[in-house]
Amino acid sequence: MIMMGRFALLVFLAFASMQLLCIAADHDAAIFYDSFEEPFNGRWIVSEKDDYKGIWEHSESEGHDDFGLLVTEKARKYAIVKELEEPVNLRDGTTVLQYEARFQNGLECGGAYLKYLRPQEAGWKPKEFDNGSPYSIMFGPDMCGLTNKVHFILKQKNPKSGEYVEHHLIDPPRVPSDKLSHVYTAILKPDNEISILIDGEVKKKGNFLSAQDFDPPIIAAKTIPDPNEKKPEDWDDRVRIPDPNAVKPDDWDENAPMEIEDMEAVKPEGWLDDEPEEIDDPEATKPEDWDDEEDGVWEAPKIDNPKCQTAPGCGEWKRPMKRNPAFKGIWNPPLVDNPNYKGIWKPRDIPNPNYFELDKPYFDPIAAIGIEIWTMQEGILFDNILIAKDENVAKSYRDTTWKPKFVVEKEKQKAEEEAAGSDDLGGFQKVVFDVLYKFADIPFLSKYKLQILDFIEKGEKQPNLTIGVLVSIVVVILTAIFMLIFSGKKQQPRVEKKTEVAADTSNDQGSSGEKPAEEEKEEEKENETGGAAPRQRRRDT
């Protein structure tokens, strides 16, 4: 028995030693890694720009003996940067970018993305780091208003024009909507494949050189519409025009009013013509401190006349209005096919002076990692930032640094749901919402995608609305199916094109700035109505 115990101990020690050696090997294989177990001061440089007032803290992740870089205040801009010992060449083999982010207080409006910066020769300084500092890649979650995505943006220099253009990954993954730790991974492979992982699961795959995966495409179009060509003055592109031979009918009265008095109406019996609808409040008294010279002549406030409550109405009776049968409105001639219609004019295509060919993207080297965000949410924690050349190294870090925390957080979340008596319902809702997210990605529902996602988000925030959300989305899907079935049966107007028009093969090539307009905080406007509606008068009914 003693020998067996010693043998088991030796096996355990050998296994533990192997684990330690694997972890040490992974650390050696990482190009850059920061666990934030030590304070960031001296290693990371906080921007001294006036706009960036947000305070960074070295803080423990809630519920763990593990530290990270914490955003401490809401409604602030934050900027901090870490220079790498040597620039990382992204064109050389596989490159893996990975880090953890946790929204400890949830996320309603804010970003938690990283910027992988070009060398300082491109025109930036660590203490002046801001949203204009030139980056090569921007990667990570961002959510506010209609924006909900895990960005991947490549900023590449066009070798012909010399301009840097932002290329956005099309249809990126959505941001997890909880308070748990999540790990975000971008894998750039030498065959031009790009993979985005969340918690180790592939959420998006694409190809850098595919026009279906990046907007604008990384390879510019061969031809573009001639910017100097103008539409001829005599070009008529109206499909239908007012009938020049039509004449307004003689009995068409454009001046007839829409409504007229109902001459058949009779004043209700008991109508109190001499009683006002409102009277002075008999119980009101003039305030003691009222000064007629300064405040004017005091008048008692008005109240509803109690006599009118039991009568059909009070005051001067007027006949109600009704729709005028003679009303026709402004006459317009009917539309007919335009005999001079030439089709929709488009400029001719010419060779694109900025067209170029390449076998892989032109990645600028990464010389620093920066976090530059504006957020309405505090409690965002960054941790375990990694750059590696082997995706197995990134997986090892996920398994050893992120996964143990995530398991603990999930168990705690499950216990809280059970304590609230909502575990079964919560599990059902999660399955429902996961299925609905897949429905939203069906191509023929793309027109209604934002509407469906809006319904889902409302249901996630208010679980009691789950059934209502299901009904709403079913209605949207049935509407889409109905439109798909019957849209093809509508008779198309006959159009005779007299001129062949060149196909439009233009592609957007402009950069949208440091952060694209659609990813700037898009706000939904709500109509607010002040005051109560006036009391309806009896004679208006």
Protein backbone atom coordinates (compact mmCIF):
# COMPACT_ATOMS: atom_id res chain seq x y z
CA MET A 1 0.00 0.00 0.00
CA ILE A 2 2.86 2.38 0.89
CA MET A 3 4.54 1.62 -2.45
CA MET A 4 1.28 2.29 -4.33
CA GLY A 5 0.82 5.58 -2.50
CA ARG A 6 4.36 6.66 -3.39
CA PHE A 7 3.76 5.68 -7.00
CA ALA A 8 0.52 7.71 -7.16
CA LEU A 9 2.32 10.70 -5.66
CA LEU A 10 5.08 10.43 -8.26
CA VAL A 11 2.50 10.27 -11.07
CA PHE A 12 0.73 13.35 -9.70
CA LEU A 13 3.98 15.31 -9.42
CA ALA A 14 4.98 14.30 -12.93
CA PHE A 15 1.60 15.41 -14.31
CA ALA A 16 1.79 18.72 -12.45
CA SER A 17 5.30 19.29 -13.74
CA MET A 18 4.15 18.67 -17.31
CA GLN A 19 1.32 21.17 -16.87
CA LEU A 20 3.74 23.79 -15.56
CA LEU A 21 6.11 23.12 -18.45
CA CYS A 22 3.23 23.50 -20.96
CA ILE A 23 2.15 26.80 -19.41
CA ALA A 24 5.76 28.04 -19.42
CA ALA A 25 6.11 26.97 -23.07
CA ASP A 26 2.93 28.84 -23.97
CA HIS A 27 4.25 31.97 -22.27
CA ASP A 28 7.44 31.65 -24.30
CA ALA A 29 5.38 31.18 -27.50
CA ALA A 30 3.40 34.37 -26.91
CA ILE A 31 4.68 37.47 -28.68
CA PHE A 32 2.91 39.65 -26.14
CA TYR A 33 0.91 38.80 -23.04
CA ASP A 34 -0.36 40.87 -20.12
CA SER A 35 -2.34 39.23 -17.31
CA PHE A 36 -2.57 42.50 -15.32
CA GLU A 37 -1.67 40.60 -12.15
CA GLU A 38 0.75 43.45 -11.50
CA PRO A 39 -0.28 47.15 -11.56
CA PHE A 40 -0.24 48.62 -15.07
CA ASN A 41 1.54 51.84 -14.05
CA GLY A 42 4.87 52.15 -15.82
CA ARG A 43 3.96 49.52 -18.41
CA TRP A 44 0.87 51.14 -19.94
CA ILE A 45 0.80 54.86 -20.74
CA VAL A 46 -2.38 56.85 -20.07
CA SER A 47 -3.16 59.52 -22.67
CA GLU A 48 -2.69 63.09 -21.48
CA LYS A 49 -5.09 64.53 -24.06
CA ASP A 50 -7.70 66.84 -22.51
CA ASP A 51 -10.68 64.88 -23.86
CA TYR A 52 -9.70 61.70 -22.05
CA LYS A 53 -10.71 62.20 -18.43
CA GLY A 54 -11.65 58.59 -17.63
CA ILE A 55 -9.73 57.01 -14.75
CA TRP A 56 -8.21 53.55 -15.18
CA GLU A 57 -7.80 51.26 -12.18
CA HIS A 58 -5.95 48.04 -11.45
CA SER A 59 -8.88 46.08 -10.03
CA GLU A 60 -10.04 42.58 -9.16
CA SER A 61 -12.66 40.94 -11.32
CA GLU A 62 -15.83 40.56 -9.25
CA GLY A 63 -15.89 37.16 -7.55
CA HIS A 64 -12.31 36.22 -8.50
CA ASP A 65 -8.80 36.56 -7.16
CA ASP A 66 -7.81 37.85 -10.57
CA PHE A 67 -6.92 41.37 -11.67
CA GLY A 68 -7.61 43.39 -14.80
CA LEU A 69 -7.70 46.90 -16.23
CA LEU A 70 -10.94 48.60 -15.14
CA VAL A 71 -13.04 51.43 -16.60
CA THR A 72 -14.27 53.20 -13.46
CA GLU A 73 -16.67 55.96 -14.55
CA LYS A 74 -19.55 56.28 -16.97
CA ALA A 75 -19.91 58.99 -19.63
CA ARG A 76 -16.15 59.37 -20.07
CA LYS A 77 -13.53 58.98 -22.78
CA TYR A 78 -10.65 56.63 -22.00
CA ALA A 79 -7.30 56.15 -23.73
CA ILE A 80 -4.33 54.02 -22.71
CA VAL A 81 -1.57 52.39 -24.77
CA LYS A 82 1.17 49.74 -24.42
CA GLU A 83 4.18 49.75 -26.72
CA LEU A 84 5.48 46.36 -27.88
CA GLU A 85 9.15 45.49 -27.58
CA GLU A 86 9.27 44.81 -31.32
CA PRO A 87 6.71 45.40 -34.11
CA VAL A 88 4.67 42.34 -35.11
CA ASN A 89 4.68 41.43 -38.80
CA LEU A 90 1.13 40.34 -39.69
CA ARG A 91 2.14 39.14 -43.17
CA ASP A 92 4.34 36.42 -41.72
CA GLY A 93 2.33 33.25 -41.06
CA THR A 94 -0.64 33.00 -38.69
CA THR A 95 -1.33 35.77 -36.17
CA VAL A 96 -3.75 35.46 -33.24
CA LEU A 97 -5.17 38.49 -31.41
CA GLN A 98 -7.00 37.65 -28.17
CA TYR A 99 -8.22 39.30 -24.97
CA GLU A 100 -10.92 39.13 -22.33
CA ALA A 101 -13.58 41.73 -21.57
CA ARG A 102 -16.23 41.65 -18.88
CA PHE A 103 -19.15 44.07 -18.55
CA GLN A 104 -19.54 43.76 -14.78
CA ASN A 105 -22.49 46.18 -14.72
CA GLY A 106 -23.93 45.10 -18.06
CA LEU A 107 -23.53 47.07 -21.27
CA GLU A 108 -26.10 49.50 -22.66
CA CYS A 109 -23.92 51.96 -24.57
CA GLY A 110 -20.18 51.69 -24.92
CA GLY A 111 -17.24 50.02 -26.60
CA ALA A 112 -14.61 47.56 -25.36
CA TYR A 113 -12.46 47.16 -28.47
CA LEU A 114 -8.69 47.30 -28.93
CA LYS A 115 -6.68 49.18 -31.52
CA TYR A 116 -3.49 47.60 -32.82
CA LEU A 117 -1.38 50.61 -33.72
CA ARG A 118 1.13 51.22 -36.46
CA PRO A 119 4.71 52.30 -35.58
CA GLN A 120 5.10 55.82 -34.22
CA GLU A 121 6.72 56.89 -37.48
CA ALA A 122 3.14 56.96 -38.77
CA GLY A 123 2.60 60.09 -36.67
CA TRP A 124 1.53 59.47 -33.09
CA LYS A 125 2.94 59.59 -29.55
CA PRO A 126 1.91 57.46 -26.57
CA LYS A 127 1.05 60.40 -24.31
CA GLU A 128 -1.00 61.94 -27.15
CA PHE A 129 -2.84 58.75 -28.04
CA ASP A 130 -6.40 59.51 -29.23
CA ASN A 131 -9.01 58.47 -31.80
CA GLY A 132 -6.85 59.89 -34.59
CA SER A 133 -3.82 57.71 -33.83
CA PRO A 134 -3.17 55.48 -36.87
CA TYR A 135 -4.04 51.83 -36.35
CA SER A 136 -3.71 48.74 -38.49
CA ILE A 137 -6.52 46.68 -36.91
CA MET A 138 -9.46 47.51 -34.65
CA PHE A 139 -11.06 44.52 -32.94
CA GLY A 140 -13.63 43.98 -30.21
CA PRO A 141 -17.19 44.50 -28.96
CA ASP A 142 -19.21 47.70 -29.34
CA MET A 143 -22.87 48.23 -28.49
CA CYS A 144 -25.07 51.33 -28.43
CA GLY A 145 -28.48 51.99 -29.97
CA LEU A 146 -28.71 49.97 -33.20
CA THR A 147 -24.99 49.14 -33.09
CA ASN A 148 -24.31 45.69 -31.66
CA LYS A 149 -21.26 44.00 -33.13
CA VAL A 150 -17.79 42.62 -32.51
CA HIS A 151 -15.78 44.84 -34.83
CA PHE A 152 -13.00 43.70 -37.06
CA ILE A 153 -11.66 46.59 -39.14
CA LEU A 154 -8.53 46.46 -41.25
CA LYS A 155 -7.05 49.82 -42.18
CA GLN A 156 -5.00 49.36 -45.33
CA LYS A 157 -3.03 51.71 -47.54
CA ASN A 158 -4.05 51.81 -51.18
CA PRO A 159 -0.73 51.48 -53.08
CA LYS A 160 -2.08 53.55 -55.98
CA SER A 161 -3.73 56.47 -54.18
CA GLY A 162 -1.61 56.35 -51.03
CA GLU A 163 -4.74 56.75 -48.89
CA TYR A 164 -5.61 54.57 -45.91
CA VAL A 165 -9.06 52.99 -46.13
CA GLU A 166 -11.08 51.25 -43.42
CA HIS A 167 -12.32 47.81 -44.48
CA HIS A 168 -15.09 46.47 -42.23
CA LEU A 169 -15.87 42.80 -41.77
CA ILE A 170 -19.42 42.30 -43.07
CA ASP A 171 -22.04 40.80 -40.74
CA PRO A 172 -19.78 40.48 -37.66
CA PRO A 173 -20.90 38.60 -34.52
CA ARG A 174 -23.12 40.19 -31.89
CA VAL A 175 -21.93 41.13 -28.41
CA PRO A 176 -22.91 38.72 -25.58
CA SER A 177 -25.55 40.48 -23.45
CA ASP A 178 -24.62 39.48 -19.91
CA LYS A 179 -22.20 40.31 -17.08
CA LEU A 180 -19.88 37.33 -17.57
CA SER A 181 -16.24 37.23 -18.68
CA HIS A 182 -15.90 36.61 -22.42
CA VAL A 183 -12.80 36.04 -24.50
CA TYR A 184 -12.56 37.47 -28.02
CA THR A 185 -10.19 35.92 -30.58
CA ALA A 186 -9.25 36.94 -34.12
CA ILE A 187 -7.19 34.46 -36.15
CA LEU A 188 -5.46 35.80 -39.28
CA LYS A 189 -4.13 32.99 -41.48
CA PRO A 190 -1.61 33.15 -44.36
CA ASP A 191 -4.25 31.84 -46.82
CA ASN A 192 -6.21 35.11 -46.22
CA GLU A 193 -8.78 33.44 -43.94
CA ILE A 194 -10.07 35.46 -40.99
CA SER A 195 -11.90 33.80 -38.09
CA ILE A 196 -13.64 35.56 -35.20
CA LEU A 197 -14.18 33.46 -32.06
CA ILE A 198 -16.14 34.27 -28.91
CA ASP A 199 -15.36 32.02 -25.93
CA GLY A 200 -13.45 29.70 -28.25
CA GLU A 201 -16.39 29.17 -30.60
CA VAL A 202 -16.12 30.31 -34.23
CA LYS A 203 -18.80 32.95 -34.83
CA LYS A 204 -17.63 34.31 -38.19
CA LYS A 205 -15.33 33.22 -40.98
CA GLY A 206 -14.33 35.20 -44.01
CA ASN A 207 -11.66 35.88 -46.59
CA PHE A 208 -9.75 39.14 -46.69
CA LEU A 209 -9.85 39.29 -50.49
CA SER A 210 -13.57 38.49 -50.85
CA ALA A 211 -15.89 41.38 -51.74
CA GLN A 212 -18.66 39.51 -49.87
CA ASP A 213 -16.71 39.65 -46.57
CA PHE A 214 -15.35 43.21 -46.38
CA ASP A 215 -16.88 46.61 -47.07
CA PRO A 216 -15.47 48.30 -49.02
CA PRO A 217 -13.64 45.37 -50.66
CA ILE A 218 -9.92 45.26 -49.95
CA ILE A 219 -9.25 44.87 -53.67
CA ALA A 220 -10.75 47.87 -55.44
CA ALA A 221 -13.06 47.47 -58.45
CA LYS A 222 -11.42 47.35 -61.88
CA THR A 223 -13.83 49.93 -63.27
CA ILE A 224 -15.71 52.87 -61.81
CA PRO A 225 -18.39 55.25 -63.16
CA ASP A 226 -16.79 58.16 -65.00
CA PRO A 227 -16.92 61.03 -62.46
CA ASN A 228 -16.64 63.63 -65.24
CA GLU A 229 -19.54 62.42 -67.34
CA LYS A 230 -22.79 64.36 -66.93
CA LYS A 231 -26.34 63.40 -67.84
CA PRO A 232 -27.42 65.07 -71.13
CA GLU A 233 -29.94 67.87 -70.65
CA ASP A 234 -32.41 66.23 -73.04
CA TRP A 235 -32.25 62.85 -71.30
CA ASP A 236 -35.76 62.00 -70.07
CA ASP A 237 -35.75 59.36 -67.33
CA ARG A 238 -39.41 59.72 -66.30
CA VAL A 239 -41.16 56.38 -66.73
CA ARG A 240 -44.66 57.93 -66.63
CA ILE A 241 -45.84 61.49 -67.16
CA PRO A 242 -49.13 63.41 -66.72
CA ASP A 243 -51.39 62.83 -69.72
CA PRO A 244 -51.03 66.06 -71.80
CA ASN A 245 -54.40 65.41 -73.48
CA ALA A 246 -56.39 65.00 -70.26
CA VAL A 247 -58.91 67.73 -69.40
CA LYS A 248 -60.44 68.49 -66.03
CA PRO A 249 -64.16 67.57 -65.94
CA ASP A 250 -66.55 70.51 -65.93
CA ASP A 251 -68.20 69.40 -62.69
CA TRP A 252 -64.91 69.15 -60.81
CA ASP A 253 -64.97 71.83 -58.08
CA GLU A 254 -61.48 72.22 -56.60
CA ASN A 255 -62.75 74.82 -54.13
CA ALA A 256 -65.39 72.60 -52.52
CA PRO A 257 -64.56 72.19 -48.77
CA MET A 258 -63.76 68.79 -47.35
CA GLU A 259 -66.42 69.14 -44.62
CA ILE A 260 -69.76 70.96 -44.39
CA GLU A 261 -72.32 71.51 -41.65
CA ASP A 262 -74.77 68.69 -41.13
CA MET A 263 -78.04 70.48 -41.92
CA GLU A 264 -80.07 67.51 -40.70
CA ALA A 265 -78.62 67.72 -37.20
CA VAL A 266 -80.95 68.94 -34.42
CA LYS A 267 -79.97 70.54 -31.14
CA PRO A 268 -80.38 67.95 -28.34
CA GLU A 269 -83.26 68.55 -25.99
CA GLY A 270 -82.12 70.06 -22.70
CA TRP A 271 -79.07 71.84 -24.15
CA LEU A 272 -78.14 74.74 -21.82
CA ASP A 273 -77.43 77.61 -24.19
CA ASP A 274 -76.94 80.18 -21.42
CA GLU A 275 -74.63 78.11 -19.26
CA PRO A 276 -70.84 78.36 -19.81
CA GLU A 277 -68.85 75.13 -19.92
CA GLU A 278 -66.52 76.43 -17.20
CA ILE A 279 -67.16 78.67 -14.21
CA ASP A 280 -65.07 80.34 -11.52
CA ASP A 281 -64.23 77.99 -8.65
CA PRO A 282 -66.57 79.20 -5.86
CA GLU A 283 -64.29 77.75 -3.20
CA ALA A 284 -61.16 79.52 -4.42
CA THR A 285 -59.91 82.51 -2.41
CA LYS A 286 -57.43 85.18 -3.23
CA PRO A 287 -54.02 84.47 -1.66
CA GLU A 288 -53.10 86.74 1.22
CA ASP A 289 -49.79 87.73 -0.36
CA TRP A 290 -51.40 88.62 -3.70
CA ASP A 291 -50.46 92.19 -4.77
CA ASP A 292 -52.80 93.55 -7.48
CA GLU A 293 -50.24 96.15 -8.53
CA GLU A 294 -47.46 93.61 -8.99
CA ASP A 295 -49.42 90.45 -9.78
CA GLY A 296 -52.36 91.97 -11.64
CA VAL A 297 -56.05 91.54 -10.99
CA TRP A 298 -56.66 88.20 -9.29
CA GLU A 299 -59.02 85.84 -11.05
CA ALA A 300 -60.43 82.66 -9.60
CA PRO A 301 -59.33 79.44 -11.37
CA LYS A 302 -61.88 77.78 -13.65
CA ILE A 303 -63.65 74.47 -13.00
CA ASP A 304 -66.10 72.42 -15.06
CA ASN A 305 -69.64 73.73 -14.75
CA PRO A 306 -71.49 71.08 -12.63
CA LYS A 307 -74.76 71.87 -14.47
CA CYS A 308 -73.20 70.66 -17.70
CA GLN A 309 -72.44 67.23 -16.25
CA THR A 310 -76.10 66.19 -16.41
CA ALA A 311 -77.05 68.10 -19.57
CA PRO A 312 -76.32 67.19 -23.21
CA GLY A 313 -74.13 70.27 -23.41
CA CYS A 314 -73.61 73.94 -22.58
CA GLY A 315 -72.93 77.14 -24.43
CA GLU A 316 -73.73 78.06 -27.99
CA TRP A 317 -74.85 74.99 -29.93
CA LYS A 318 -73.38 74.52 -33.40
CA ARG A 319 -74.23 71.94 -36.00
CA PRO A 320 -71.58 69.18 -36.28
CA MET A 321 -69.52 68.88 -39.46
CA LYS A 322 -69.79 66.00 -41.92
CA ARG A 323 -67.86 64.96 -45.02
CA ASN A 324 -68.81 66.97 -48.12
CA PRO A 325 -70.02 64.59 -50.85
CA ALA A 326 -69.01 67.16 -53.47
CA PHE A 327 -65.40 67.32 -52.26
CA LYS A 328 -62.88 66.04 -54.83
CA GLY A 329 -59.74 68.02 -54.02
CA ILE A 330 -57.17 69.31 -56.49
CA TRP A 331 -57.53 67.78 -59.95
CA ASN A 332 -54.49 66.10 -61.45
CA PRO A 333 -54.29 64.56 -64.90
CA PRO A 334 -53.79 60.76 -64.96
CA LEU A 335 -50.34 59.33 -65.65
CA VAL A 336 -49.46 57.65 -68.95
CA ASP A 337 -46.35 55.94 -70.32
CA ASN A 338 -43.71 58.49 -71.30
CA PRO A 339 -43.06 58.17 -75.07
CA ASN A 340 -39.67 59.92 -74.63
CA TYR A 341 -38.45 57.67 -71.81
CA LYS A 342 -34.82 56.65 -72.37
CA GLY A 343 -34.20 54.60 -69.24
CA ILE A 344 -32.25 55.37 -66.08
CA TRP A 345 -29.12 57.29 -66.99
CA LYS A 346 -25.78 56.10 -65.69
CA PRO A 347 -22.31 57.29 -66.51
CA ARG A 348 -20.14 54.94 -68.51
CA ASP A 349 -17.56 52.82 -66.71
CA ILE A 350 -13.89 53.68 -67.01
CA PRO A 351 -10.76 51.92 -65.68
CA ASN A 352 -10.29 52.60 -61.97
CA PRO A 353 -7.08 54.60 -61.54
CA ASN A 354 -6.79 53.24 -57.98
CA TYR A 355 -7.20 49.59 -58.95
CA PHE A 356 -4.46 47.25 -57.85
CA GLU A 357 -3.90 43.53 -57.54
CA LEU A 358 -2.46 41.68 -54.55
CA ASP A 359 -2.34 38.13 -53.27
CA LYS A 360 -2.84 39.09 -49.62
CA PRO A 361 -3.73 42.23 -47.68
CA TYR A 362 -1.07 44.80 -46.99
CA PHE A 363 -0.91 44.69 -43.19
CA ASP A 364 1.07 47.44 -41.53
CA PRO A 365 3.13 46.11 -38.61
CA ILE A 366 1.67 46.33 -35.10
CA ALA A 367 3.88 48.35 -32.78
CA ALA A 368 1.49 48.99 -29.87
CA ILE A 369 -1.87 48.02 -28.37
CA GLY A 370 -4.28 50.78 -27.43
CA ILE A 371 -7.68 51.05 -25.78
CA GLU A 372 -9.46 54.22 -26.91
CA ILE A 373 -13.16 54.21 -26.08
CA TRP A 374 -16.09 56.43 -25.19
CA THR A 375 -18.59 54.69 -22.93
CA MET A 376 -21.74 55.41 -20.96
CA GLN A 377 -21.03 52.32 -18.85
CA GLU A 378 -18.59 51.85 -15.99
CA GLY A 379 -17.30 48.49 -14.76
CA ILE A 380 -15.74 47.29 -18.05
CA LEU A 381 -12.77 45.05 -17.23
CA PHE A 382 -10.00 44.16 -19.71
CA ASP A 383 -7.76 41.16 -19.03
CA ASN A 384 -5.29 38.65 -20.51
CA ILE A 385 -4.34 40.53 -23.69
CA LEU A 386 -2.42 38.21 -26.01
CA ILE A 387 -0.68 38.26 -29.37
CA ALA A 388 0.60 34.89 -30.60
CA LYS A 389 1.62 33.13 -33.80
CA ASP A 390 -0.04 29.82 -32.94
CA GLU A 391 -3.78 29.39 -32.38
CA ASN A 392 -3.07 26.46 -30.05
CA VAL A 393 -1.24 28.85 -27.76
CA ALA A 394 -4.33 31.08 -27.69
CA LYS A 395 -6.50 28.04 -26.88
CA SER A 396 -4.18 27.12 -24.02
CA TYR A 397 -4.55 30.61 -22.56
CA ARG A 398 -8.33 30.43 -22.89
CA ASP A 399 -8.39 27.10 -21.07
CA THR A 400 -6.11 28.22 -18.23
CA THR A 401 -7.05 31.89 -17.70
CA TRP A 402 -10.59 32.47 -18.98
CA LYS A 403 -12.45 29.18 -18.70
CA PRO A 404 -12.10 28.63 -14.90
CA LYS A 405 -13.52 32.11 -14.27
CA PHE A 406 -16.34 31.64 -16.76
CA VAL A 407 -17.36 28.32 -15.17
CA VAL A 408 -17.54 29.93 -11.73
CA GLU A 409 -19.58 32.86 -13.09
CA LYS A 410 -22.01 30.55 -14.90
CA GLU A 411 -22.54 28.47 -11.77
CA LYS A 412 -23.19 31.63 -9.76
CA GLN A 413 -25.62 32.87 -12.41
CA LYS A 414 -27.43 29.52 -12.38
CA ALA A 415 -27.69 29.56 -8.58
CA GLU A 416 -29.13 33.08 -8.64
CA GLU A 417 -31.70 32.06 -11.24
CA GLU A 418 -32.69 29.01 -9.20
CA ALA A 419 -33.00 31.15 -6.08
CA ALA A 420 -35.32 33.46 -7.96
CA GLY A 421 -37.37 30.48 -9.12
CA SER A 422 -36.79 31.31 -12.77
CA ASP A 423 -34.25 28.70 -13.83
CA ASP A 424 -36.59 26.65 -16.02
CA LEU A 425 -38.11 29.75 -17.63
CA GLY A 426 -34.67 31.33 -18.10
CA GLY A 427 -33.33 28.20 -19.79
CA PHE A 428 -36.37 28.07 -22.07
CA GLN A 429 -35.97 31.73 -22.97
CA LYS A 430 -32.30 31.28 -23.82
CA VAL A 431 -33.12 28.45 -26.22
CA VAL A 432 -35.93 30.54 -27.77
CA PHE A 433 -33.73 33.60 -28.25
CA ASP A 434 -30.85 31.54 -29.68
CA VAL A 435 -33.24 30.11 -32.30
CA LEU A 436 -34.66 33.58 -33.05
CA TYR A 437 -31.15 34.98 -33.63
CA LYS A 438 -30.64 32.24 -36.25
CA PHE A 439 -33.97 33.20 -37.86
CA ALA A 440 -32.76 36.82 -38.09
CA ASP A 441 -29.80 35.66 -40.23
CA ILE A 442 -31.99 33.94 -42.87
CA PRO A 443 -31.29 35.79 -46.18
CA PHE A 444 -34.90 36.38 -47.24
CA LEU A 445 -35.55 38.07 -43.86
CA SER A 446 -32.63 40.50 -44.25
CA LYS A 447 -35.06 43.39 -44.88
CA TYR A 448 -36.61 42.77 -41.46
CA LYS A 449 -33.43 41.85 -39.58
CA LEU A 450 -33.16 45.04 -37.50
CA GLN A 451 -36.85 44.82 -36.58
CA ILE A 452 -36.48 41.19 -35.46
CA LEU A 453 -33.32 41.94 -33.47
CA ASP A 454 -35.08 44.84 -31.77
CA PHE A 455 -37.90 42.51 -30.66
CA ILE A 456 -35.37 39.96 -29.35
CA GLU A 457 -33.44 42.56 -27.35
CA LYS A 458 -36.65 43.79 -25.73
CA GLY A 459 -37.51 40.22 -24.78
CA GLU A 460 -34.06 39.62 -23.28
CA LYS A 461 -34.33 42.76 -21.16
CA GLN A 462 -37.92 41.99 -20.11
CA PRO A 463 -38.34 38.17 -19.88
CA ASN A 464 -42.07 38.48 -19.21
CA LEU A 465 -42.47 39.66 -22.81
CA THR A 466 -41.15 36.41 -24.32
CA ILE A 467 -44.53 35.22 -25.64
CA GLY A 468 -45.29 38.67 -27.07
CA VAL A 469 -41.88 38.73 -28.76
CA LEU A 470 -42.55 35.30 -30.31
CA VAL A 471 -45.92 36.46 -31.66
CA SER A 472 -44.39 39.68 -33.07
CA ILE A 473 -41.59 37.84 -34.86
CA VAL A 474 -43.99 35.23 -36.25
CA VAL A 475 -46.05 38.09 -37.72
CA VAL A 476 -42.90 39.60 -39.29
CA ILE A 477 -41.86 36.22 -40.76
CA LEU A 478 -45.36 35.54 -42.17
CA THR A 479 -45.38 39.04 -43.69
CA ALA A 480 -42.01 38.36 -45.35
CA ILE A 481 -43.23 35.01 -46.70
CA PHE A 482 -46.43 36.62 -48.01
CA MET A 483 -44.43 39.36 -49.75
CA LEU A 484 -42.02 36.78 -51.18
CA ILE A 485 -44.87 34.66 -52.60
CA PHE A 486 -47.04 37.41 -54.02
CA SER A 487 -44.51 40.08 -55.04
CA GLY A 488 -43.64 38.14 -58.18
CA LYS A 489 -47.29 38.06 -59.27
CA LYS A 490 -47.67 41.82 -59.62
CA GLN A 491 -47.85 43.01 -63.19
CA GLN A 492 -44.83 45.11 -64.01
CA PRO A 493 -45.36 48.33 -65.99
CA ARG A 494 -44.29 48.11 -69.61
CA VAL A 495 -41.13 50.12 -70.18
CA GLU A 496 -39.47 50.37 -73.55
CA LYS A 497 -35.84 51.30 -73.21
CA LYS A 498 -34.48 53.01 -76.27
CA THR A 499 -30.89 53.08 -75.13
CA GLU A 500 -28.71 50.34 -73.71
CA VAL A 501 -27.34 51.40 -70.33
CA ALA A 502 -24.05 50.12 -68.99
CA ALA A 503 -24.25 48.00 -65.83
CA ASP A 504 -23.21 49.71 -62.65
CA THR A 505 -20.23 47.93 -61.20
CA SER A 506 -19.13 50.71 -58.91
CA ASN A 507 -17.93 49.98 -55.45
CA ASP A 508 -17.69 52.26 -52.44
CA GLN A 509 -14.07 53.00 -51.70
CA GLY A 510 -14.22 55.91 -49.32
CA SER A 511 -13.05 55.65 -45.73
CA SER A 512 -15.57 56.46 -43.09
CA GLY A 513 -13.15 58.07 -40.71
CA GLU A 514 -11.67 56.76 -37.52
CA LYS A 515 -15.04 55.36 -36.57
CA PRO A 516 -17.76 54.85 -39.21
CA ALA A 517 -20.97 56.87 -39.05
CA GLU A 518 -23.17 53.78 -38.69
CA GLU A 519 -21.05 52.74 -35.70
CA GLU A 520 -21.26 56.14 -34.04
CA LYS A 521 -23.90 56.16 -31.41
CA GLU A 522 -27.12 56.04 -33.38
CA GLU A 523 -29.94 57.45 -31.18
CA GLU A 524 -33.65 56.70 -31.37
CA LYS A 525 -35.85 59.78 -30.96
CA GLU A 526 -38.93 59.53 -28.78
CA ASN A 527 -41.94 61.86 -29.08
CA GLU A 528 -42.85 63.45 -25.81
CA THR A 529 -46.20 65.09 -25.19
CA GLY A 530 -46.55 67.69 -22.47
CA GLY A 531 -49.79 68.49 -20.59
CA ALA A 532 -53.17 66.83 -20.53
CA ALA A 533 -55.52 66.78 -23.52
CA PRO A 534 -58.33 69.37 -23.35
CA ARG A 535 -61.74 68.14 -22.18
CA GLN A 536 -63.94 67.16 -25.10
CA ARG A 537 -66.94 69.40 -25.49
CA ARG A 538 -70.32 67.75 -25.75
CA ARG A 539 -71.29 69.59 -28.89
CA ASP A 540 -68.23 68.15 -30.66
CA THR A 541 -69.46 64.62 -30.11
